[in-house]
Each structure stands twice: as C-alpha cells, then as structure tokens.
Amino acid sequence: MGKLLLAGTCVAVAAMCAFTSAQTLPKPTPTQTPTQVPAPRPITNADVINMVNAGLGEDVIIASIKSNPLREFDLSPDGLITLKTVGVPDNVLLVMQGRDVTKPPAAPPPPPVVTAVKPAVEDPSAPHEEGIYVMADGTLEQLDQAIATGEGAGAGSMIMSGLTLGLKKVKYKADIRNPKARLRVDSNAEFYFFGSAFNPNKFAIARLDTKGKTRQFDVGEAGVLGGHQGVREDDQLAFRAERIRPGTYKVLLFHALRPGEYAFVNLSDSKTLVLYDFGVDR
C-alpha cells in the first residue's frame, strides 16, 4: 500500500514539472521567406521605340541602353530600317550596335569682332599757326621751312653758253642742304595753308633733284635771246586750291606724287628763296 502511494506521488510531481517547463520555454517563431528580386529583363527594340515615342532625349535613351548589360536587339537591315522609320536617332542606333558615341566638346565661341576705331580727323577749319601743313593719319603736321643757298650757274652751263655765243642759256640753280626732307608724305597727300602770308597763289610746287648731299632745282636762265627768273615750268606740279575760310586753303594736286623730293616755293619773295620741303617714298 505504501509503495503504491509513493509511486503515485512521483508521477504527480513529474507531471507538474513537465507542465512548468512547457510554460517557460519560448514559442518557436515561424521561418521568414526572403523577398524575391525579379531577374533583369533584356532591353529590346521595342523598349527603344517606346522611349522615342515617349519623347525621351537621345542622351537619356543612350544612358538607359548602357546601364542594361542584357540586350536583345534586332540589328538586321530590316530591324534597323524599322528603328529609323519610327525616328530613332543615329547615335542611339550606333550604341545599340555596340559602338561608343562620344560627342566632341562644344567649340569655343568665336572671339568678339573688334571694330577698329578710326582716329578723329583734325579739323582744318579750326585756327592754326601760320604755315603749310599736310594731313597725315588724321593729324595736320607742319612742313619745315628751308632756305635755298648757293644760287649760281653751273660750270657746265657756263661752258655751253660760251661755246654757243650765248644762244645756249645759262641755267641758275639753287641748292638745299640734305639729300632728303624730314617730312615724308603720301602720294595723294592733302595740304593746307594757314595765314594771310600763305596764299597758295603765291607758291609753286617744285620737283627737286638730288645731287650728292644736296637737293637742287633751276631758279632761272639767261642768254642773248633773253631769260626768266623763277622755278622752271617743267619742274612745277599743277594743283588747285579751295578756300575753306578767310586765310585757310586746302590744296590738292591734279596727279599723284611720284617718289622723290619736293618743295612749296614762295614765288613772291625775290630776295630770299624760301621754301617748305617734303618727300614721297612710294
């Protein structure tokens, strides 16, 4: 009887321990299934056509093609013709064929056109110091005054006159220092006279001959049949004068000046041969 009671007690204790263990053990959590990532889909002709029809730009379509490593394009002649017909750009077609399309860098803008500003032309009607001027690069520059020296007959001229008993006239020449004038002018130069003493009607333009270190020209001739005094007509250049205002004249030559040495000679002063020289280089 006692053994039965002890056995019953043990069974009851074991049952209580099993119940307690069942209450304290954590419940098992259900196993979580990982999210399934869809496999990449190859890009096709239809995808490109859809992007073109949607109005996407060329660069966007090319970027989309390059970002997808899977490509299943129909690049047969018929396929290309179909793509071109629906308006797929040529650069997109080249990328679909596996060719790298790199746009050249934009060309720099052309340099701005700089218009040369013409220098202001000096007003010849404004008052100036008396003298003869030439217009050079928009500025009036005054001619230098020179004095002719050594007037007389050349030895050769005297001999020829003596041999012909005076029929051959003796030529008198004037010399000017230096073989060239300081001031060089253009062949179509414009000259201006300022002041009452510089009336163009009192002057002649003489062509000068260079002889060694001097310049000279004929100032007269004499013989048994007569003679004359002044610049020989053959050595004078024709010009015309326009009156701008009282005491101011513009002088223009009828013909372009040839390279050489020249001078405005004051014909009204018979005592001293005063002239204003200049030269032309080309």
Protein backbone atom coordinates (compact mmCIF):
# COMPACT_ATOMS: atom_id res chain seq x y z
CA MET A 1 0.00 0.00 0.00
CA GLY A 2 2.80 2.39 0.90
CA LYS A 3 4.63 1.56 -2.35
CA LEU A 4 1.56 2.45 -4.39
CA LEU A 5 1.17 5.74 -2.63
CA LEU A 6 4.85 6.65 -3.24
CA ALA A 7 4.59 5.78 -6.90
CA GLY A 8 1.55 7.94 -7.30
CA THR A 9 3.25 10.86 -5.68
CA CYS A 10 6.23 10.60 -8.05
CA VAL A 11 4.02 10.54 -11.08
CA ALA A 12 2.19 13.66 -9.88
CA VAL A 13 5.48 15.54 -9.30
CA ALA A 14 6.81 14.64 -12.76
CA ALA A 15 3.61 15.83 -14.36
CA MET A 16 3.84 19.23 -12.60
CA CYS A 17 7.47 19.69 -13.64
CA ALA A 18 6.63 18.96 -17.25
CA PHE A 19 3.78 21.49 -17.14
CA THR A 20 6.04 24.17 -15.66
CA SER A 21 8.73 23.63 -18.31
CA ALA A 22 6.14 23.92 -21.05
CA GLN A 23 5.01 27.33 -19.72
CA THR A 24 8.56 28.84 -19.56
CA LEU A 25 10.03 27.70 -22.89
CA PRO A 26 9.79 30.36 -25.74
CA LYS A 27 7.47 29.65 -28.56
CA PRO A 28 9.20 28.88 -31.87
CA THR A 29 8.97 31.75 -34.50
CA PRO A 30 7.81 30.97 -37.98
CA THR A 31 10.58 30.86 -40.63
CA GLN A 32 10.66 34.19 -42.82
CA THR A 33 10.84 33.75 -46.59
CA PRO A 34 13.36 36.31 -48.24
CA THR A 35 11.99 38.89 -50.76
CA GLN A 36 12.36 37.62 -54.30
CA VAL A 37 14.21 40.17 -56.63
CA PRO A 38 12.96 39.91 -60.20
CA ALA A 39 15.62 38.87 -62.72
CA PRO A 40 16.79 41.73 -65.06
CA ARG A 41 14.96 41.84 -68.37
CA PRO A 42 16.89 42.34 -71.58
CA ILE A 43 16.30 45.66 -73.38
CA THR A 44 14.89 45.24 -76.88
CA ASN A 45 14.00 47.22 -79.99
CA ALA A 46 10.51 47.68 -78.63
CA ASP A 47 11.87 49.35 -75.46
CA VAL A 48 13.90 51.78 -77.54
CA ILE A 49 10.90 52.58 -79.74
CA ASN A 50 8.74 53.18 -76.67
CA MET A 51 11.32 55.60 -75.22
CA VAL A 52 11.49 57.50 -78.52
CA ASN A 53 7.68 57.70 -78.72
CA ALA A 54 7.59 58.98 -75.14
CA GLY A 55 9.77 61.91 -76.17
CA LEU A 56 12.88 60.99 -74.18
CA GLY A 57 16.04 62.69 -75.30
CA GLU A 58 18.88 60.98 -77.14
CA ASP A 59 21.24 61.14 -74.15
CA VAL A 60 18.63 59.59 -71.83
CA ILE A 61 17.97 56.67 -74.20
CA ILE A 62 21.70 56.02 -74.64
CA ALA A 63 22.22 56.05 -70.85
CA SER A 64 19.38 53.54 -70.45
CA ILE A 65 20.93 51.19 -73.03
CA LYS A 66 24.39 51.39 -71.47
CA SER A 67 23.06 50.73 -67.95
CA ASN A 68 21.46 47.44 -69.01
CA PRO A 69 24.02 44.65 -69.62
CA LEU A 70 21.33 42.44 -71.22
CA ARG A 71 20.47 43.48 -74.75
CA GLU A 72 18.45 41.63 -77.30
CA PHE A 73 18.36 43.98 -80.26
CA ASP A 74 17.31 43.10 -83.78
CA LEU A 75 20.08 44.80 -85.71
CA SER A 76 19.38 43.20 -89.04
CA PRO A 77 18.88 45.57 -92.00
CA ASP A 78 15.10 45.26 -91.59
CA GLY A 79 15.36 45.90 -87.87
CA LEU A 80 17.48 48.99 -88.36
CA ILE A 81 15.14 50.28 -91.05
CA THR A 82 12.19 49.88 -88.70
CA LEU A 83 14.00 51.72 -85.92
CA LYS A 84 14.98 54.56 -88.23
CA THR A 85 11.42 54.79 -89.60
CA VAL A 86 9.99 55.47 -86.16
CA GLY A 87 12.60 58.21 -85.54
CA VAL A 88 15.37 56.54 -83.53
CA PRO A 89 18.44 58.88 -83.75
CA ASP A 90 21.59 57.62 -85.48
CA ASN A 91 23.67 57.91 -82.29
CA VAL A 92 21.21 55.60 -80.49
CA LEU A 93 21.49 53.08 -83.34
CA LEU A 94 25.28 53.19 -83.06
CA VAL A 95 25.13 52.49 -79.30
CA MET A 96 22.72 49.61 -79.96
CA GLN A 97 25.39 48.20 -82.31
CA GLY A 98 27.96 48.40 -79.53
CA ARG A 99 29.81 51.45 -80.77
CA ASP A 100 30.89 54.17 -78.36
CA VAL A 101 29.47 57.55 -79.23
CA THR A 102 31.37 60.45 -77.67
CA LYS A 103 30.24 63.90 -78.59
CA PRO A 104 33.08 66.32 -79.31
CA PRO A 105 33.37 69.17 -76.87
CA ALA A 106 31.49 72.24 -77.84
CA ALA A 107 33.59 74.61 -79.89
CA PRO A 108 34.51 77.78 -78.03
CA PRO A 109 32.58 80.83 -79.14
CA PRO A 110 34.33 82.91 -81.78
CA PRO A 111 36.23 85.89 -80.42
CA PRO A 112 34.27 89.10 -80.49
CA VAL A 113 34.74 91.19 -83.56
CA VAL A 114 36.63 94.30 -82.59
CA THR A 115 35.93 97.17 -84.90
CA ALA A 116 38.92 99.43 -85.27
CA VAL A 117 38.10 102.91 -84.10
CA LYS A 118 39.22 105.42 -86.63
CA PRO A 119 41.16 108.28 -85.09
CA ALA A 120 39.43 111.59 -85.09
CA VAL A 121 40.47 113.76 -88.02
CA GLU A 122 41.81 117.14 -87.02
CA ASP A 123 39.51 119.92 -88.13
CA PRO A 124 41.33 122.01 -90.77
CA SER A 125 38.81 124.81 -90.37
CA ALA A 126 39.99 125.43 -86.81
CA PRO A 127 42.58 128.17 -86.24
CA HIS A 128 46.23 127.10 -86.67
CA GLU A 129 49.61 128.74 -86.55
CA GLU A 130 50.58 130.26 -89.89
CA GLY A 131 52.30 127.88 -92.26
CA ILE A 132 51.82 124.99 -94.68
CA TYR A 133 50.51 121.69 -93.30
CA VAL A 134 49.88 118.18 -94.59
CA MET A 135 47.13 115.86 -93.36
CA ALA A 136 48.84 112.68 -92.09
CA ASP A 137 46.80 109.96 -90.31
CA GLY A 138 44.12 112.45 -89.37
CA THR A 139 46.57 114.99 -87.97
CA LEU A 140 47.85 118.18 -89.54
CA GLU A 141 51.65 118.31 -89.50
CA GLN A 142 53.52 121.48 -90.38
CA LEU A 143 56.12 121.46 -93.18
CA ASP A 144 59.64 122.57 -92.36
CA GLN A 145 60.97 125.82 -93.75
CA ALA A 146 64.22 125.63 -95.70
CA ILE A 147 66.46 128.25 -97.30
CA ALA A 148 67.99 127.70 -100.71
CA THR A 149 71.68 128.61 -100.92
CA GLY A 150 74.46 128.64 -103.49
CA GLU A 151 72.45 130.20 -106.26
CA GLY A 152 74.53 130.49 -109.42
CA ALA A 153 75.27 129.00 -112.79
CA GLY A 154 76.78 125.58 -113.06
CA ALA A 155 80.19 125.26 -114.73
CA GLY A 156 78.79 123.04 -117.44
CA SER A 157 76.03 125.50 -118.20
CA MET A 158 78.53 128.40 -118.47
CA ILE A 159 80.76 126.46 -120.86
CA MET A 160 77.84 125.51 -123.12
CA SER A 161 76.64 129.11 -123.17
CA GLY A 162 80.10 130.37 -124.10
CA LEU A 163 80.55 127.82 -126.87
CA THR A 164 77.23 128.83 -128.41
CA LEU A 165 77.95 132.58 -128.00
CA GLY A 166 75.03 132.90 -125.58
CA LEU A 167 72.50 131.03 -127.70
CA LYS A 168 72.50 128.27 -125.12
CA LYS A 169 71.07 129.82 -121.97
CA VAL A 170 72.92 129.74 -118.68
CA LYS A 171 70.89 127.92 -116.01
CA TYR A 172 70.95 129.15 -112.44
CA LYS A 173 70.38 126.59 -109.69
CA ALA A 174 69.55 126.72 -106.01
CA ASP A 175 70.86 124.18 -103.52
CA ILE A 176 69.15 122.86 -100.37
CA ARG A 177 71.05 121.10 -97.61
CA ASN A 178 70.49 117.40 -97.01
CA PRO A 179 69.51 114.92 -99.74
CA LYS A 180 66.05 114.23 -98.27
CA ALA A 181 63.37 116.22 -96.49
CA ARG A 182 62.47 115.24 -92.94
CA LEU A 183 58.74 115.09 -93.57
CA ARG A 184 57.53 112.18 -95.74
CA VAL A 185 54.01 112.31 -97.16
CA ASP A 186 51.60 110.08 -99.05
CA SER A 187 51.44 110.23 -102.83
CA ASN A 188 47.89 111.64 -102.61
CA ALA A 189 48.54 113.99 -99.73
CA GLU A 190 46.26 116.91 -98.87
CA PHE A 191 47.94 120.21 -97.97
CA TYR A 192 46.53 123.16 -96.03
CA PHE A 193 47.67 126.79 -95.99
CA PHE A 194 47.02 128.94 -92.91
CA GLY A 195 47.59 132.67 -92.65
CA SER A 196 47.44 135.67 -94.97
CA ALA A 197 51.12 135.27 -95.91
CA PHE A 198 50.45 131.73 -97.17
CA ASN A 199 48.18 132.29 -100.12
CA PRO A 200 48.58 129.28 -102.50
CA ASN A 201 48.56 131.67 -105.47
CA LYS A 202 51.99 132.90 -104.35
CA PHE A 203 53.53 129.42 -104.32
CA ALA A 204 54.65 126.77 -106.78
CA ILE A 205 55.33 123.09 -106.11
CA ALA A 206 58.82 122.34 -107.43
CA ARG A 207 60.30 118.92 -108.13
CA LEU A 208 63.85 118.76 -106.70
CA ASP A 209 66.85 116.81 -108.00
CA THR A 210 69.09 115.03 -105.51
CA LYS A 211 72.77 115.72 -106.16
CA GLY A 212 75.06 114.05 -103.64
CA LYS A 213 74.34 115.53 -100.25
CA THR A 214 72.07 118.29 -101.50
CA ARG A 215 68.87 118.90 -103.43
CA GLN A 216 68.70 121.48 -106.19
CA PHE A 217 66.40 122.95 -108.81
CA ASP A 218 66.55 125.58 -111.55
CA VAL A 219 65.64 129.11 -110.46
CA GLY A 220 66.29 130.96 -113.71
CA GLU A 221 68.16 131.10 -117.01
CA ALA A 222 69.68 133.82 -119.18
CA GLY A 223 71.11 134.15 -122.69
CA VAL A 224 71.45 136.52 -125.62
CA LEU A 225 67.82 135.85 -126.52
CA GLY A 226 66.54 136.67 -123.04
CA GLY A 227 65.76 134.66 -119.97
CA HIS A 228 63.49 134.30 -116.98
CA GLN A 229 63.65 134.10 -113.21
CA GLY A 230 61.79 131.60 -111.01
CA VAL A 231 61.01 127.89 -110.95
CA ARG A 232 61.07 126.40 -114.42
CA GLU A 233 57.60 125.38 -115.61
CA ASP A 234 58.76 121.87 -116.42
CA ASP A 235 59.70 121.44 -112.74
CA GLN A 236 56.34 122.65 -111.39
CA LEU A 237 53.39 120.45 -110.42
CA ALA A 238 49.85 121.58 -111.12
CA PHE A 239 47.48 121.92 -108.18
CA ARG A 240 44.20 123.58 -107.24
CA ALA A 241 43.32 125.47 -104.07
CA GLU A 242 39.96 125.54 -102.27
CA ARG A 243 39.20 128.38 -99.84
CA ILE A 244 37.84 126.92 -96.58
CA ARG A 245 37.51 130.22 -94.73
CA PRO A 246 39.38 133.53 -94.77
CA GLY A 247 43.09 132.79 -94.51
CA THR A 248 42.67 128.99 -94.82
CA TYR A 249 43.05 126.97 -98.05
CA LYS A 250 43.03 123.32 -98.98
CA VAL A 251 45.48 122.36 -101.74
CA LEU A 252 45.07 119.23 -103.88
CA LEU A 253 47.36 118.06 -106.66
CA PHE A 254 45.93 117.04 -110.02
CA HIS A 255 48.15 113.95 -110.16
CA ALA A 256 49.56 111.60 -107.55
CA LEU A 257 53.09 112.38 -106.47
CA ARG A 258 55.85 110.09 -107.68
CA PRO A 259 58.62 109.06 -105.29
CA GLY A 260 61.07 111.92 -104.92
CA GLU A 261 61.77 115.26 -103.26
CA TYR A 262 59.51 118.33 -103.49
CA ALA A 263 59.02 121.79 -102.06
CA PHE A 264 56.50 124.62 -101.99
CA VAL A 265 58.47 127.64 -103.25
CA ASN A 266 57.38 131.19 -102.43
CA LEU A 267 57.50 132.99 -105.79
CA SER A 268 56.62 136.39 -104.34
CA ASP A 269 59.89 136.74 -102.39
CA SER A 270 62.61 137.53 -104.92
CA LYS A 271 65.23 138.48 -102.35
CA THR A 272 65.31 135.24 -100.35
CA LEU A 273 64.31 131.93 -101.83
CA VAL A 274 62.14 130.47 -99.04
CA LEU A 275 60.62 127.03 -99.47
CA TYR A 276 58.81 124.31 -97.49
CA ASP A 277 60.06 120.85 -98.33
CA PHE A 278 58.69 117.30 -98.17
CA GLY A 279 59.33 113.93 -99.83
CA VAL A 280 57.47 110.86 -101.09
CA ASP A 281 58.91 107.38 -100.56
CA ARG A 282 56.43 105.32 -102.55
